[in-house]
C-alpha atoms as a PDB file:
ATOM      1  CA  MET A   1    -146.307 -67.313-129.118  1.00  0.00           C
ATOM      2  CA  ARG A   2    -145.765 -68.796-126.395  1.00  0.00           C
ATOM      3  CA  GLN A   3    -145.142 -65.511-123.146  1.00  0.00           C
ATOM      4  CA  VAL A   4    -142.147 -67.541-121.334  1.00  0.00           C
ATOM      5  CA  TYR A   5    -142.063 -66.063-117.445  1.00  0.00           C
ATOM      6  CA  THR A   6    -138.828 -66.042-115.272  1.00  0.00           C
ATOM      7  CA  GLU A   7    -138.274 -67.956-111.775  1.00  0.00           C
ATOM      8  CA  SER A   8    -138.885 -64.853-110.252  1.00  0.00           C
ATOM      9  CA  GLN A   9    -142.380 -63.243-111.834  1.00  0.00           C
ATOM     10  CA  LYS A  10    -143.612 -66.447-111.272  1.00  0.00           C
ATOM     11  CA  ARG A  11    -142.905 -65.445-107.907  1.00  0.00           C
ATOM     12  CA  LYS A  12    -143.871 -62.382-108.107  1.00  0.00           C
ATOM     13  CA  PHE A  13    -147.990 -62.927-109.372  1.00  0.00           C
ATOM     14  CA  VAL A  14    -147.427 -65.381-106.446  1.00  0.00           C
ATOM     15  CA  GLN A  15    -147.255 -62.915-104.470  1.00  0.00           C
ATOM     16  CA  ALA A  16    -148.750 -60.191-105.575  1.00  0.00           C
ATOM     17  CA  TYR A  17    -152.529 -62.883-105.748  1.00  0.00           C
ATOM     18  CA  GLU A  18    -152.022 -63.159-102.784  1.00  0.00           C
ATOM     19  CA  GLU A  19    -151.748 -59.433-101.263  1.00  0.00           C
ATOM     20  CA  SER A  20    -155.280 -59.263-103.850  1.00  0.00           C
ATOM     21  CA  SER A  21    -158.724 -59.386-103.282  1.00  0.00           C
ATOM     22  CA  LEU A  22    -159.473 -61.565-106.079  1.00  0.00           C
ATOM     23  CA  THR A  23    -159.840 -64.811-107.288  1.00  0.00           C
ATOM     24  CA  ILE A  24    -157.397 -66.712-108.632  1.00  0.00           C
ATOM     25  CA  ARG A  25    -159.823 -66.881-112.287  1.00  0.00           C
ATOM     26  CA  ASP A  26    -160.291 -63.315-111.150  1.00  0.00           C
ATOM     27  CA  TYR A  27    -156.705 -62.145-111.167  1.00  0.00           C
ATOM     28  CA  CYS A  28    -154.973 -64.175-113.176  1.00  0.00           C
ATOM     29  CA  ARG A  29    -157.296 -61.989-116.107  1.00  0.00           C
ATOM     30  CA  SER A  30    -156.218 -58.707-115.021  1.00  0.00           C
ATOM     31  CA  VAL A  31    -152.388 -60.034-115.138  1.00  0.00           C
ATOM     32  CA  ASN A  32    -152.988 -62.082-118.685  1.00  0.00           C
ATOM     33  CA  ILE A  33    -151.653 -65.338-117.413  1.00  0.00           C
ATOM     34  CA  SER A  34    -153.223 -68.230-118.113  1.00  0.00           C
ATOM     35  CA  PRO A  35    -154.792 -70.592-114.293  1.00  0.00           C
ATOM     36  CA  SER A  36    -152.474 -73.322-114.442  1.00  0.00           C
ATOM     37  CA  LEU A  37    -149.081 -71.176-115.471  1.00  0.00           C
ATOM     38  CA  PHE A  38    -150.399 -69.598-111.980  1.00  0.00           C
ATOM     39  CA  TYR A  39    -151.352 -73.238-109.929  1.00  0.00           C
ATOM     40  CA  HIS A  40    -147.462 -74.227-111.234  1.00  0.00           C
ATOM     41  CA  ALA A  41    -146.232 -71.148-109.968  1.00  0.00           C
ATOM     42  CA  ARG A  42    -148.105 -71.422-106.902  1.00  0.00           C
ATOM     43  CA  ARG A  43    -146.784 -75.747-106.263  1.00  0.00           C
ATOM     44  CA  LEU A  44    -143.424 -74.763-106.581  1.00  0.00           C
ATOM     45  CA  LEU A  45    -143.126 -72.084-104.509  1.00  0.00           C
ATOM     46  CA  LEU A  46    -145.211 -74.065-101.692  1.00  0.00           C
ATOM     47  CA  GLU A  47    -142.250 -76.795-102.927  1.00  0.00           C
ATOM     48  CA  GLU A  48    -139.216 -74.865-102.488  1.00  0.00           C
ATOM     49  CA  GLU A  49    -140.719 -73.278 -98.482  1.00  0.00           C
ATOM     50  CA  SER A  50    -141.815 -76.606 -97.710  1.00  0.00           C
ATOM     51  CA  LEU A  51    -138.127 -77.737 -98.137  1.00  0.00           C
ATOM     52  CA  SER A  52    -136.257 -75.377 -96.536  1.00  0.00           C
ATOM     53  CA  LYS A  53    -137.597 -75.342 -93.351  1.00  0.00           C
ATOM     54  CA  LYS A  54    -137.391 -79.316 -93.446  1.00  0.00           C
ATOM     55  CA  VAL A  55    -133.763 -78.458 -94.415  1.00  0.00           C
ATOM     56  CA  SER A  56    -133.244 -75.493 -91.061  1.00  0.00           C
ATOM     57  CA  SER A  57    -135.185 -77.565 -89.435  1.00  0.00           C
ATOM     58  CA  SER A  58    -133.791 -80.560 -88.741  1.00  0.00           C
ATOM     59  CA  PRO A  59    -130.084 -80.935 -87.337  1.00  0.00           C
ATOM     60  CA  LEU A  60    -127.443 -82.972 -89.550  1.00  0.00           C
ATOM     61  CA  PHE A  61    -125.738 -84.510 -86.341  1.00  0.00           C
ATOM     62  CA  HIS A  62    -126.773 -86.927 -83.618  1.00  0.00           C
ATOM     63  CA  GLN A  63    -124.943 -85.917 -81.582  1.00  0.00           C
ATOM     64  CA  ILE A  64    -123.362 -89.363 -79.695  1.00  0.00           C
ATOM     65  CA  VAL A  65    -121.601 -89.597 -75.929  1.00  0.00           C
ATOM     66  CA  LYS A  66    -120.043 -92.463 -75.195  1.00  0.00           C
ATOM     67  CA  PRO A  67    -118.737 -93.128 -70.856  1.00  0.00           C
ATOM     68  CA  THR A  68    -116.261 -93.675 -69.166  1.00  0.00           C
ATOM     69  CA  VAL A  69    -117.977 -95.671 -67.617  1.00  0.00           C
ATOM     70  CA  GLY A  70    -121.348 -98.951 -67.586  1.00  0.00           C
ATOM     71  CA  SER A  71    -121.265-102.293 -69.095  1.00  0.00           C
ATOM     72  CA  GLY A  72    -122.320-102.749 -73.356  1.00  0.00           C
ATOM     73  CA  ILE A  73    -125.549-103.583 -74.388  1.00  0.00           C
ATOM     74  CA  SER A  74    -126.200-106.468 -76.743  1.00  0.00           C
ATOM     75  CA  LEU A  75    -129.594-106.235 -79.117  1.00  0.00           C
ATOM     76  CA  THR A  76    -130.314-108.448 -81.852  1.00  0.00           C
ATOM     77  CA  LEU A  77    -133.311-107.709 -84.018  1.00  0.00           C
ATOM     78  CA  PRO A  78    -135.751-110.286 -85.463  1.00  0.00           C
ATOM     79  CA  ASN A  79    -134.082-110.987 -88.038  1.00  0.00           C
ATOM     80  CA  GLY A  80    -130.605-112.050 -85.906  1.00  0.00           C
ATOM     81  CA  ILE A  81    -128.909-109.537 -86.610  1.00  0.00           C
ATOM     82  CA  LYS A  82    -126.594-108.445 -83.760  1.00  0.00           C
ATOM     83  CA  ILE A  83    -125.932-104.883 -82.189  1.00  0.00           C
ATOM     84  CA  GLY A  84    -123.324-104.178 -79.379  1.00  0.00           C
ATOM     85  CA  LEU A  85    -122.837-100.806 -77.850  1.00  0.00           C
ATOM     86  CA  GLU A  86    -120.336-100.882 -75.532  1.00  0.00           C
ATOM     87  CA  GLY A  87    -120.168 -98.234 -72.172  1.00  0.00           C
ATOM     88  CA  MET A  88    -123.469 -97.440 -72.599  1.00  0.00           C
ATOM     89  CA  SER A  89    -125.949 -97.494 -70.617  1.00  0.00           C
ATOM     90  CA  MET A  90    -129.660 -98.200 -70.540  1.00  0.00           C
ATOM     91  CA  GLU A  91    -130.300 -94.777 -69.089  1.00  0.00           C
ATOM     92  CA  ASP A  92    -127.838 -92.539 -72.501  1.00  0.00           C
ATOM     93  CA  LEU A  93    -129.673 -95.604 -74.764  1.00  0.00           C
ATOM     94  CA  SER A  94    -132.332 -94.167 -73.486  1.00  0.00           C
ATOM     95  CA  ARG A  95    -131.216 -90.524 -73.893  1.00  0.00           C
ATOM     96  CA  LEU A  96    -130.212 -90.910 -77.587  1.00  0.00           C
ATOM     97  CA  LEU A  97    -133.443 -93.013 -78.722  1.00  0.00           C
ATOM     98  CA  ILE A  98    -135.516 -90.009 -77.426  1.00  0.00           C
ATOM     99  CA  SER A  99    -133.470 -87.194 -78.713  1.00  0.00           C
ATOM    100  CA  MET A 100    -133.376 -88.918 -81.852  1.00  0.00           C
ATOM    101  CA  GLY A 101    -136.821 -88.829 -81.763  1.00  0.00           C
ATOM    102  CA  ARG A 102    -137.657 -85.769 -81.224  1.00  0.00           C
ATOM    103  CA  HIS A 103    -135.768 -84.334 -84.400  1.00  0.00           C
ATOM    104  CA  ALA A 104    -137.669 -87.382 -86.527  1.00  0.00           C
END
């Protein structure tokens, strides 16, 4: 009968391997698991870590401060859509775009 491992057990396999000096094949033999199970567990763990880094590093909101004085800016996109930004100066728009670029 096939052994079913919990997520916690799979995580421990990957962590124990990383602390060992064995090859993946030798480590899997030593703990009696298949290399495919190990690779699957390691891929899931790496995806989980990557996702948590993305979520924690990307801001949820960008603050936009509307100045009290200034003329509006109007952008016309190549497809004909017009975007109007009333009360925003070119400097404010530039700072906003630079700020958004840093967090993209």
